N, C-alpha and C. Protein backbone atom coordinates (compact mmCIF):
# COMPACT_ATOMS: atom_id res chain seq x y z
N MET A 1 84.46 74.47 -18.68
CA MET A 1 85.37 74.39 -17.56
C MET A 1 86.80 74.38 -18.11
N ASN A 2 87.63 75.28 -17.63
CA ASN A 2 89.02 75.29 -18.06
C ASN A 2 89.90 74.68 -16.98
N GLU A 3 91.20 74.60 -17.26
CA GLU A 3 92.12 73.93 -16.34
C GLU A 3 92.18 74.60 -14.97
N HIS A 4 91.87 75.88 -14.89
CA HIS A 4 91.90 76.59 -13.62
C HIS A 4 90.69 76.26 -12.74
N ASP A 5 89.60 75.76 -13.37
CA ASP A 5 88.40 75.41 -12.63
C ASP A 5 88.46 73.99 -12.05
N ILE A 6 89.39 73.19 -12.50
CA ILE A 6 89.50 71.81 -12.04
C ILE A 6 90.17 71.81 -10.67
N PRO A 7 89.50 71.22 -9.67
CA PRO A 7 90.12 71.19 -8.34
C PRO A 7 91.37 70.31 -8.36
N LYS A 8 92.37 70.71 -7.59
CA LYS A 8 93.59 69.91 -7.51
C LYS A 8 93.27 68.67 -6.69
N ARG A 9 93.47 67.53 -7.30
CA ARG A 9 93.18 66.27 -6.63
C ARG A 9 94.50 65.55 -6.35
N ARG A 10 94.50 64.84 -5.28
CA ARG A 10 95.65 64.04 -4.92
C ARG A 10 95.60 62.73 -5.69
N ILE A 11 96.71 62.35 -6.24
CA ILE A 11 96.79 61.09 -6.96
C ILE A 11 97.42 60.09 -5.99
N VAL A 12 96.58 59.26 -5.39
CA VAL A 12 97.03 58.37 -4.32
C VAL A 12 96.71 56.93 -4.64
N SER A 13 97.33 56.02 -3.90
CA SER A 13 97.09 54.60 -4.14
C SER A 13 95.71 54.19 -3.66
N SER A 14 95.33 54.67 -2.49
CA SER A 14 94.03 54.34 -1.92
C SER A 14 93.57 55.51 -1.06
N ARG A 15 92.39 56.01 -1.34
CA ARG A 15 91.89 57.19 -0.62
C ARG A 15 91.86 56.96 0.89
N HIS A 16 91.49 55.76 1.31
CA HIS A 16 91.41 55.48 2.74
C HIS A 16 92.79 55.48 3.42
N LEU A 17 93.86 55.34 2.64
CA LEU A 17 95.21 55.41 3.21
C LEU A 17 95.77 56.83 3.16
N ALA A 18 95.05 57.72 2.50
CA ALA A 18 95.54 59.09 2.32
C ALA A 18 94.85 60.09 3.24
N ASP A 19 94.06 59.60 4.19
CA ASP A 19 93.40 60.51 5.14
C ASP A 19 94.40 61.01 6.16
N GLY A 20 94.22 62.25 6.57
CA GLY A 20 95.04 62.81 7.65
C GLY A 20 96.39 63.30 7.18
N THR A 21 97.30 63.37 8.14
CA THR A 21 98.64 63.87 7.83
C THR A 21 99.43 62.83 7.05
N ASN A 22 100.44 63.29 6.41
CA ASN A 22 101.33 62.43 5.61
C ASN A 22 100.61 61.71 4.47
N TRP A 23 99.58 62.35 3.91
CA TRP A 23 98.89 61.74 2.79
C TRP A 23 99.84 61.55 1.60
N GLU A 24 100.92 62.31 1.57
CA GLU A 24 101.87 62.23 0.45
C GLU A 24 102.49 60.84 0.33
N SER A 25 102.55 60.11 1.45
CA SER A 25 103.11 58.75 1.39
C SER A 25 102.26 57.87 0.48
N SER A 26 100.95 58.08 0.46
CA SER A 26 100.09 57.32 -0.43
C SER A 26 100.34 57.71 -1.89
N GLU A 27 100.69 58.97 -2.10
CA GLU A 27 101.03 59.43 -3.45
C GLU A 27 102.33 58.76 -3.92
N ILE A 28 103.29 58.66 -3.02
CA ILE A 28 104.55 57.95 -3.35
C ILE A 28 104.26 56.49 -3.64
N GLU A 29 103.43 55.87 -2.80
CA GLU A 29 103.11 54.45 -3.00
C GLU A 29 102.43 54.22 -4.35
N TYR A 30 101.55 55.13 -4.74
CA TYR A 30 100.90 54.98 -6.04
C TYR A 30 101.95 55.09 -7.16
N GLY A 31 102.86 56.03 -7.02
CA GLY A 31 103.94 56.16 -8.00
C GLY A 31 104.78 54.89 -8.08
N MET A 32 105.06 54.28 -6.91
CA MET A 32 105.84 53.04 -6.91
C MET A 32 105.06 51.89 -7.56
N ILE A 33 103.76 51.83 -7.29
CA ILE A 33 102.94 50.77 -7.88
C ILE A 33 102.96 50.84 -9.40
N ILE A 34 102.69 52.03 -9.93
CA ILE A 34 102.65 52.12 -11.39
C ILE A 34 104.05 52.00 -12.00
N ALA A 35 105.08 52.48 -11.29
CA ALA A 35 106.45 52.33 -11.78
C ALA A 35 106.85 50.85 -11.78
N TYR A 36 106.51 50.13 -10.71
CA TYR A 36 106.83 48.70 -10.64
C TYR A 36 106.19 47.94 -11.80
N ASN A 37 104.90 48.20 -12.02
CA ASN A 37 104.21 47.49 -13.10
C ASN A 37 104.74 47.88 -14.47
N ALA A 38 105.03 49.15 -14.67
CA ALA A 38 105.60 49.58 -15.95
C ALA A 38 106.98 48.98 -16.15
N PHE A 39 107.78 48.95 -15.08
CA PHE A 39 109.13 48.38 -15.18
C PHE A 39 109.07 46.88 -15.47
N SER A 40 108.16 46.17 -14.82
CA SER A 40 108.01 44.73 -15.07
C SER A 40 107.61 44.48 -16.52
N ARG A 41 106.65 45.26 -17.01
CA ARG A 41 106.22 45.12 -18.40
C ARG A 41 107.37 45.45 -19.35
N TRP A 42 108.12 46.51 -19.05
CA TRP A 42 109.26 46.89 -19.86
C TRP A 42 110.29 45.77 -19.92
N MET A 43 110.64 45.20 -18.77
CA MET A 43 111.66 44.14 -18.76
C MET A 43 111.27 42.97 -19.65
N THR A 44 110.01 42.52 -19.55
CA THR A 44 109.61 41.36 -20.35
C THR A 44 109.56 41.70 -21.84
N ARG A 45 109.12 42.91 -22.17
CA ARG A 45 109.07 43.28 -23.59
C ARG A 45 110.46 43.55 -24.16
N CYS A 46 111.33 44.12 -23.35
CA CYS A 46 112.70 44.33 -23.79
C CYS A 46 113.39 42.99 -24.01
N MET A 47 113.18 42.06 -23.07
CA MET A 47 113.80 40.74 -23.20
C MET A 47 113.22 40.00 -24.40
N SER A 48 111.94 40.17 -24.65
CA SER A 48 111.33 39.56 -25.81
C SER A 48 111.96 40.10 -27.10
N ALA A 49 112.14 41.42 -27.15
CA ALA A 49 112.78 42.03 -28.33
C ALA A 49 114.24 41.60 -28.45
N ALA A 50 114.86 41.26 -27.32
CA ALA A 50 116.25 40.79 -27.33
C ALA A 50 116.35 39.34 -27.76
N GLY A 51 115.21 38.63 -27.80
CA GLY A 51 115.24 37.28 -28.33
C GLY A 51 114.73 36.18 -27.42
N ASN A 52 114.22 36.53 -26.21
CA ASN A 52 113.72 35.48 -25.32
C ASN A 52 112.36 35.91 -24.77
N THR A 53 111.34 35.14 -25.10
CA THR A 53 109.98 35.47 -24.67
C THR A 53 109.53 34.66 -23.46
N ASP A 54 110.41 33.84 -22.90
CA ASP A 54 110.01 32.90 -21.86
C ASP A 54 110.40 33.30 -20.44
N LEU A 55 110.89 34.52 -20.23
CA LEU A 55 111.37 34.89 -18.89
C LEU A 55 110.41 35.85 -18.19
N THR A 56 110.23 35.62 -16.90
CA THR A 56 109.44 36.51 -16.06
C THR A 56 110.33 37.67 -15.61
N PRO A 57 109.73 38.74 -15.08
CA PRO A 57 110.56 39.85 -14.58
C PRO A 57 111.60 39.39 -13.53
N LEU A 58 111.21 38.51 -12.61
CA LEU A 58 112.18 38.03 -11.62
C LEU A 58 113.33 37.28 -12.28
N GLU A 59 113.03 36.45 -13.24
CA GLU A 59 114.08 35.69 -13.93
C GLU A 59 115.02 36.63 -14.69
N ILE A 60 114.47 37.68 -15.27
CA ILE A 60 115.30 38.67 -15.97
C ILE A 60 116.22 39.37 -14.98
N LEU A 61 115.69 39.76 -13.83
CA LEU A 61 116.51 40.40 -12.79
C LEU A 61 117.62 39.46 -12.31
N VAL A 62 117.28 38.20 -12.10
CA VAL A 62 118.27 37.22 -11.65
C VAL A 62 119.35 37.02 -12.71
N LEU A 63 118.95 36.94 -13.96
CA LEU A 63 119.94 36.79 -15.04
C LEU A 63 120.89 37.98 -15.08
N HIS A 64 120.35 39.18 -15.06
CA HIS A 64 121.20 40.38 -15.09
C HIS A 64 122.09 40.46 -13.86
N ASN A 65 121.54 40.15 -12.69
CA ASN A 65 122.33 40.22 -11.46
C ASN A 65 123.44 39.19 -11.48
N THR A 66 123.16 38.00 -11.98
CA THR A 66 124.17 36.95 -12.06
C THR A 66 125.27 37.33 -13.05
N ASN A 67 124.90 38.03 -14.09
CA ASN A 67 125.87 38.48 -15.09
C ASN A 67 126.66 39.71 -14.63
N HIS A 68 126.15 40.42 -13.64
CA HIS A 68 126.72 41.68 -13.16
C HIS A 68 128.20 41.55 -12.79
N ARG A 69 129.02 42.35 -13.40
CA ARG A 69 130.46 42.43 -13.15
C ARG A 69 131.23 41.14 -13.41
N GLY A 70 130.56 40.17 -14.03
CA GLY A 70 131.24 38.92 -14.36
C GLY A 70 131.71 38.12 -13.15
N ARG A 71 131.07 38.34 -11.99
CA ARG A 71 131.46 37.62 -10.76
C ARG A 71 130.47 36.51 -10.46
N ASP A 72 130.99 35.38 -10.04
CA ASP A 72 130.13 34.28 -9.61
C ASP A 72 129.36 34.70 -8.36
N LYS A 73 128.12 34.24 -8.27
CA LYS A 73 127.28 34.61 -7.13
C LYS A 73 126.57 33.40 -6.57
N ARG A 74 126.37 33.43 -5.26
CA ARG A 74 125.58 32.40 -4.57
C ARG A 74 124.13 32.85 -4.51
N LEU A 75 123.25 31.92 -4.22
CA LEU A 75 121.83 32.24 -4.05
C LEU A 75 121.66 33.37 -3.03
N THR A 76 122.37 33.29 -1.93
CA THR A 76 122.23 34.32 -0.88
C THR A 76 122.71 35.68 -1.38
N ASP A 77 123.74 35.70 -2.21
CA ASP A 77 124.23 36.97 -2.77
C ASP A 77 123.16 37.62 -3.64
N ILE A 78 122.54 36.82 -4.49
CA ILE A 78 121.53 37.33 -5.42
C ILE A 78 120.33 37.87 -4.64
N CYS A 79 119.88 37.08 -3.66
CA CYS A 79 118.74 37.52 -2.83
C CYS A 79 119.07 38.82 -2.10
N PHE A 80 120.26 38.91 -1.55
CA PHE A 80 120.66 40.11 -0.82
C PHE A 80 120.71 41.33 -1.74
N LEU A 81 121.34 41.18 -2.89
CA LEU A 81 121.50 42.31 -3.81
C LEU A 81 120.17 42.78 -4.40
N LEU A 82 119.24 41.85 -4.59
CA LEU A 82 117.93 42.21 -5.14
C LEU A 82 116.91 42.49 -4.04
N ASN A 83 117.32 42.36 -2.78
CA ASN A 83 116.45 42.60 -1.62
C ASN A 83 115.22 41.69 -1.66
N ILE A 84 115.46 40.41 -1.91
CA ILE A 84 114.39 39.42 -1.98
C ILE A 84 114.53 38.49 -0.78
N GLU A 85 113.47 38.40 -0.01
CA GLU A 85 113.47 37.58 1.19
C GLU A 85 113.18 36.11 0.88
N ASP A 86 112.31 35.86 -0.08
CA ASP A 86 111.89 34.50 -0.40
C ASP A 86 112.90 33.83 -1.34
N THR A 87 113.83 33.09 -0.74
CA THR A 87 114.89 32.45 -1.52
C THR A 87 114.33 31.40 -2.48
N HIS A 88 113.16 30.84 -2.17
CA HIS A 88 112.60 29.79 -3.03
C HIS A 88 112.28 30.32 -4.43
N THR A 89 111.79 31.55 -4.51
CA THR A 89 111.47 32.10 -5.83
C THR A 89 112.73 32.34 -6.65
N VAL A 90 113.78 32.79 -5.99
CA VAL A 90 115.05 33.01 -6.69
C VAL A 90 115.67 31.67 -7.08
N ASN A 91 115.59 30.70 -6.20
CA ASN A 91 116.13 29.38 -6.50
C ASN A 91 115.41 28.77 -7.70
N TYR A 92 114.10 28.94 -7.78
CA TYR A 92 113.33 28.46 -8.92
C TYR A 92 113.80 29.17 -10.20
N ALA A 93 114.00 30.48 -10.11
CA ALA A 93 114.47 31.24 -11.28
C ALA A 93 115.85 30.74 -11.71
N LEU A 94 116.73 30.49 -10.75
CA LEU A 94 118.06 29.98 -11.08
C LEU A 94 117.97 28.63 -11.80
N ARG A 95 117.12 27.75 -11.30
CA ARG A 95 116.98 26.43 -11.95
C ARG A 95 116.43 26.57 -13.37
N LYS A 96 115.46 27.45 -13.55
CA LYS A 96 114.90 27.66 -14.90
C LYS A 96 115.97 28.22 -15.84
N LEU A 97 116.74 29.20 -15.36
CA LEU A 97 117.79 29.80 -16.19
C LEU A 97 118.89 28.78 -16.51
N MET A 98 119.16 27.88 -15.57
CA MET A 98 120.14 26.81 -15.83
C MET A 98 119.60 25.86 -16.90
N LYS A 99 118.34 25.49 -16.78
CA LYS A 99 117.71 24.58 -17.74
C LYS A 99 117.71 25.19 -19.14
N MET A 100 117.57 26.51 -19.21
CA MET A 100 117.59 27.21 -20.49
C MET A 100 119.02 27.45 -20.99
N GLU A 101 119.99 27.03 -20.18
CA GLU A 101 121.42 27.17 -20.48
C GLU A 101 121.86 28.63 -20.57
N LEU A 102 121.21 29.48 -19.79
CA LEU A 102 121.61 30.88 -19.71
C LEU A 102 122.55 31.12 -18.52
N LEU A 103 122.57 30.17 -17.59
CA LEU A 103 123.48 30.20 -16.45
C LEU A 103 124.22 28.88 -16.35
N VAL A 104 125.36 28.93 -15.69
CA VAL A 104 126.11 27.73 -15.33
C VAL A 104 126.36 27.80 -13.83
N SER A 105 126.62 26.65 -13.24
CA SER A 105 126.88 26.63 -11.80
C SER A 105 128.12 25.80 -11.51
N GLU A 106 128.69 26.08 -10.36
CA GLU A 106 129.87 25.34 -9.91
C GLU A 106 129.75 25.18 -8.40
N LYS A 107 129.90 23.95 -7.95
CA LYS A 107 129.83 23.69 -6.51
C LYS A 107 131.23 23.81 -5.93
N ARG A 108 131.35 24.62 -4.88
CA ARG A 108 132.62 24.81 -4.17
C ARG A 108 132.36 24.53 -2.69
N GLY A 109 132.78 23.37 -2.24
CA GLY A 109 132.46 22.98 -0.88
C GLY A 109 130.97 22.77 -0.77
N LYS A 110 130.35 23.44 0.19
CA LYS A 110 128.91 23.33 0.38
C LYS A 110 128.13 24.38 -0.42
N GLU A 111 128.82 25.32 -1.02
CA GLU A 111 128.18 26.43 -1.73
C GLU A 111 128.10 26.17 -3.23
N VAL A 112 127.02 26.65 -3.84
CA VAL A 112 126.87 26.62 -5.29
C VAL A 112 126.99 28.06 -5.78
N PHE A 113 127.86 28.26 -6.78
CA PHE A 113 128.07 29.57 -7.36
C PHE A 113 127.52 29.56 -8.79
N TYR A 114 126.84 30.65 -9.14
CA TYR A 114 126.22 30.78 -10.46
C TYR A 114 126.89 31.90 -11.24
N SER A 115 126.93 31.70 -12.54
CA SER A 115 127.42 32.75 -13.44
C SER A 115 126.69 32.62 -14.77
N ALA A 116 126.72 33.68 -15.53
CA ALA A 116 126.08 33.66 -16.84
C ALA A 116 126.90 32.80 -17.79
N SER A 117 126.22 32.00 -18.56
CA SER A 117 126.86 31.22 -19.61
C SER A 117 127.15 32.16 -20.78
N PRO A 118 127.90 31.70 -21.77
CA PRO A 118 128.07 32.54 -22.96
C PRO A 118 126.73 32.94 -23.60
N ALA A 119 125.76 32.03 -23.60
CA ALA A 119 124.44 32.36 -24.15
C ALA A 119 123.74 33.40 -23.27
N GLY A 120 123.90 33.30 -21.95
CA GLY A 120 123.32 34.27 -21.04
C GLY A 120 123.95 35.65 -21.20
N GLU A 121 125.27 35.68 -21.35
CA GLU A 121 125.97 36.95 -21.58
C GLU A 121 125.51 37.59 -22.88
N LYS A 122 125.35 36.77 -23.91
CA LYS A 122 124.90 37.27 -25.22
C LYS A 122 123.49 37.84 -25.13
N LEU A 123 122.61 37.16 -24.38
CA LEU A 123 121.24 37.65 -24.21
C LEU A 123 121.23 38.96 -23.42
N CYS A 124 122.07 39.05 -22.39
CA CYS A 124 122.16 40.30 -21.62
C CYS A 124 122.65 41.45 -22.51
N GLU A 125 123.57 41.17 -23.39
CA GLU A 125 124.08 42.20 -24.30
C GLU A 125 122.99 42.61 -25.29
N ALA A 126 122.21 41.66 -25.79
CA ALA A 126 121.11 41.98 -26.71
C ALA A 126 120.06 42.84 -25.98
N TYR A 127 119.80 42.51 -24.72
CA TYR A 127 118.87 43.31 -23.90
C TYR A 127 119.40 44.73 -23.77
N ARG A 128 120.68 44.84 -23.51
CA ARG A 128 121.32 46.15 -23.37
C ARG A 128 121.14 46.98 -24.64
N GLU A 129 121.30 46.35 -25.78
CA GLU A 129 121.17 47.06 -27.05
C GLU A 129 119.72 47.55 -27.26
N VAL A 130 118.75 46.71 -26.93
CA VAL A 130 117.35 47.12 -27.04
C VAL A 130 117.07 48.25 -26.05
N ARG A 131 117.60 48.11 -24.83
CA ARG A 131 117.43 49.14 -23.80
C ARG A 131 118.00 50.48 -24.27
N ASP A 132 119.19 50.45 -24.84
CA ASP A 132 119.80 51.67 -25.35
C ASP A 132 118.91 52.33 -26.40
N ARG A 133 118.41 51.52 -27.31
CA ARG A 133 117.64 52.04 -28.44
C ARG A 133 116.24 52.51 -28.04
N CYS A 134 115.58 51.75 -27.18
CA CYS A 134 114.18 52.05 -26.88
C CYS A 134 113.98 52.87 -25.61
N PHE A 135 114.83 52.72 -24.64
CA PHE A 135 114.63 53.42 -23.37
C PHE A 135 115.55 54.62 -23.21
N LEU A 136 116.83 54.42 -23.37
CA LEU A 136 117.77 55.50 -23.12
C LEU A 136 117.63 56.65 -24.10
N ASP A 137 117.30 56.35 -25.34
CA ASP A 137 117.08 57.42 -26.32
C ASP A 137 115.95 58.34 -25.86
N GLY A 138 114.85 57.76 -25.35
CA GLY A 138 113.72 58.55 -24.87
C GLY A 138 114.00 59.23 -23.55
N LEU A 139 114.84 58.61 -22.73
CA LEU A 139 115.17 59.16 -21.43
C LEU A 139 115.86 60.51 -21.56
N SER A 140 116.59 60.70 -22.63
CA SER A 140 117.29 61.96 -22.84
C SER A 140 116.33 63.14 -23.00
N ARG A 141 115.06 62.85 -23.30
CA ARG A 141 114.07 63.92 -23.47
C ARG A 141 113.57 64.47 -22.14
N LEU A 142 113.78 63.73 -21.07
CA LEU A 142 113.39 64.24 -19.75
C LEU A 142 114.34 65.35 -19.37
N ASP A 143 113.83 66.31 -18.70
CA ASP A 143 114.65 67.46 -18.32
C ASP A 143 115.29 67.19 -16.95
N MET A 144 116.19 66.19 -16.91
CA MET A 144 116.87 65.83 -15.67
C MET A 144 118.35 65.63 -15.93
N THR A 145 119.14 66.10 -15.00
CA THR A 145 120.57 65.87 -15.10
C THR A 145 120.90 64.50 -14.53
N GLY A 146 122.09 64.04 -14.81
CA GLY A 146 122.55 62.79 -14.22
C GLY A 146 122.57 62.86 -12.70
N GLU A 147 122.95 64.00 -12.17
CA GLU A 147 122.98 64.18 -10.72
C GLU A 147 121.57 64.09 -10.13
N GLU A 148 120.59 64.67 -10.79
CA GLU A 148 119.21 64.58 -10.32
C GLU A 148 118.71 63.13 -10.34
N MET A 149 119.08 62.40 -11.37
CA MET A 149 118.69 60.99 -11.44
C MET A 149 119.35 60.19 -10.32
N ARG A 150 120.60 60.48 -10.02
CA ARG A 150 121.29 59.78 -8.91
C ARG A 150 120.62 60.11 -7.59
N GLU A 151 120.17 61.35 -7.42
CA GLU A 151 119.47 61.74 -6.19
C GLU A 151 118.14 60.99 -6.05
N ILE A 152 117.42 60.83 -7.14
CA ILE A 152 116.17 60.06 -7.11
C ILE A 152 116.47 58.61 -6.74
N ALA A 153 117.50 58.04 -7.33
CA ALA A 153 117.87 56.65 -7.03
C ALA A 153 118.24 56.51 -5.56
N ALA A 154 118.99 57.46 -5.02
CA ALA A 154 119.36 57.41 -3.60
C ALA A 154 118.12 57.52 -2.71
N SER A 155 117.19 58.38 -3.09
CA SER A 155 115.94 58.51 -2.32
C SER A 155 115.13 57.22 -2.37
N MET A 156 115.10 56.58 -3.51
CA MET A 156 114.37 55.31 -3.64
C MET A 156 115.01 54.23 -2.77
N ARG A 157 116.33 54.18 -2.73
CA ARG A 157 117.01 53.21 -1.87
C ARG A 157 116.72 53.50 -0.40
N ALA A 158 116.73 54.77 -0.02
CA ALA A 158 116.44 55.14 1.36
C ALA A 158 114.99 54.78 1.71
N LEU A 159 114.08 55.03 0.79
CA LEU A 159 112.69 54.70 1.01
C LEU A 159 112.51 53.19 1.16
N SER A 160 113.25 52.41 0.38
CA SER A 160 113.15 50.95 0.51
C SER A 160 113.61 50.52 1.90
N GLY A 161 114.62 51.20 2.44
CA GLY A 161 115.06 50.91 3.81
C GLY A 161 113.98 51.20 4.83
N GLN A 162 113.23 52.27 4.62
CA GLN A 162 112.12 52.60 5.52
C GLN A 162 111.04 51.52 5.46
N TYR A 163 110.73 51.04 4.24
CA TYR A 163 109.75 49.96 4.12
C TYR A 163 110.26 48.67 4.76
N ASP A 164 111.56 48.38 4.63
CA ASP A 164 112.13 47.20 5.30
C ASP A 164 111.98 47.31 6.81
N GLN A 165 112.30 48.48 7.35
CA GLN A 165 112.18 48.69 8.80
C GLN A 165 110.72 48.58 9.25
N ALA A 166 109.82 49.16 8.48
CA ALA A 166 108.40 49.08 8.81
C ALA A 166 107.90 47.63 8.74
N SER A 167 108.40 46.85 7.79
CA SER A 167 107.97 45.45 7.69
C SER A 167 108.45 44.65 8.90
N ARG A 168 109.66 44.96 9.37
CA ARG A 168 110.15 44.28 10.59
C ARG A 168 109.29 44.67 11.77
N ALA A 169 108.93 45.94 11.89
CA ALA A 169 108.08 46.39 12.98
C ALA A 169 106.70 45.72 12.91
N ALA A 170 106.13 45.64 11.71
CA ALA A 170 104.82 45.01 11.55
C ALA A 170 104.87 43.53 11.89
N ALA A 171 105.98 42.87 11.56
CA ALA A 171 106.11 41.44 11.87
C ALA A 171 106.18 41.19 13.36
N SER A 172 106.57 42.19 14.13
CA SER A 172 106.68 42.01 15.58
C SER A 172 105.39 42.34 16.32
N LEU A 173 104.37 42.82 15.60
CA LEU A 173 103.08 43.14 16.24
C LEU A 173 102.30 41.90 16.61
């Protein structure tokens, strides 16, 4: 049997979700599932190579987001920017990062603002260096322009909006 004899099969998340029209949405979902898991694994291994083996993917995202642009952020800011509804998980991550002295906090009125500590900034920079060496070097081998990558990113953001809208609709059923 050669490659021309192999029937074209759909690569979907679940066959029962791919019946009928719009089966391609299940193909997208499968791509998101494996991308999410690969990205989570990548973040923890990159952070481990950068010098910290104790952080979960969510904690790594919170650390990077808190360090982003050197601006202090509130819990609500972090949740909004990362599109996380469950503030308790982010609050737990913030407390763990504070305990590890990777973040500092400052209370202003009723609000608590978080920022990366010097140790947190240093860890983010070490992560960046590992990312440059291990990920970005290989990324250049893909046959995609920067504009094509930006278009994919925009499509992913738009798709996330569709899932948000669908989740609101499902919650009202």
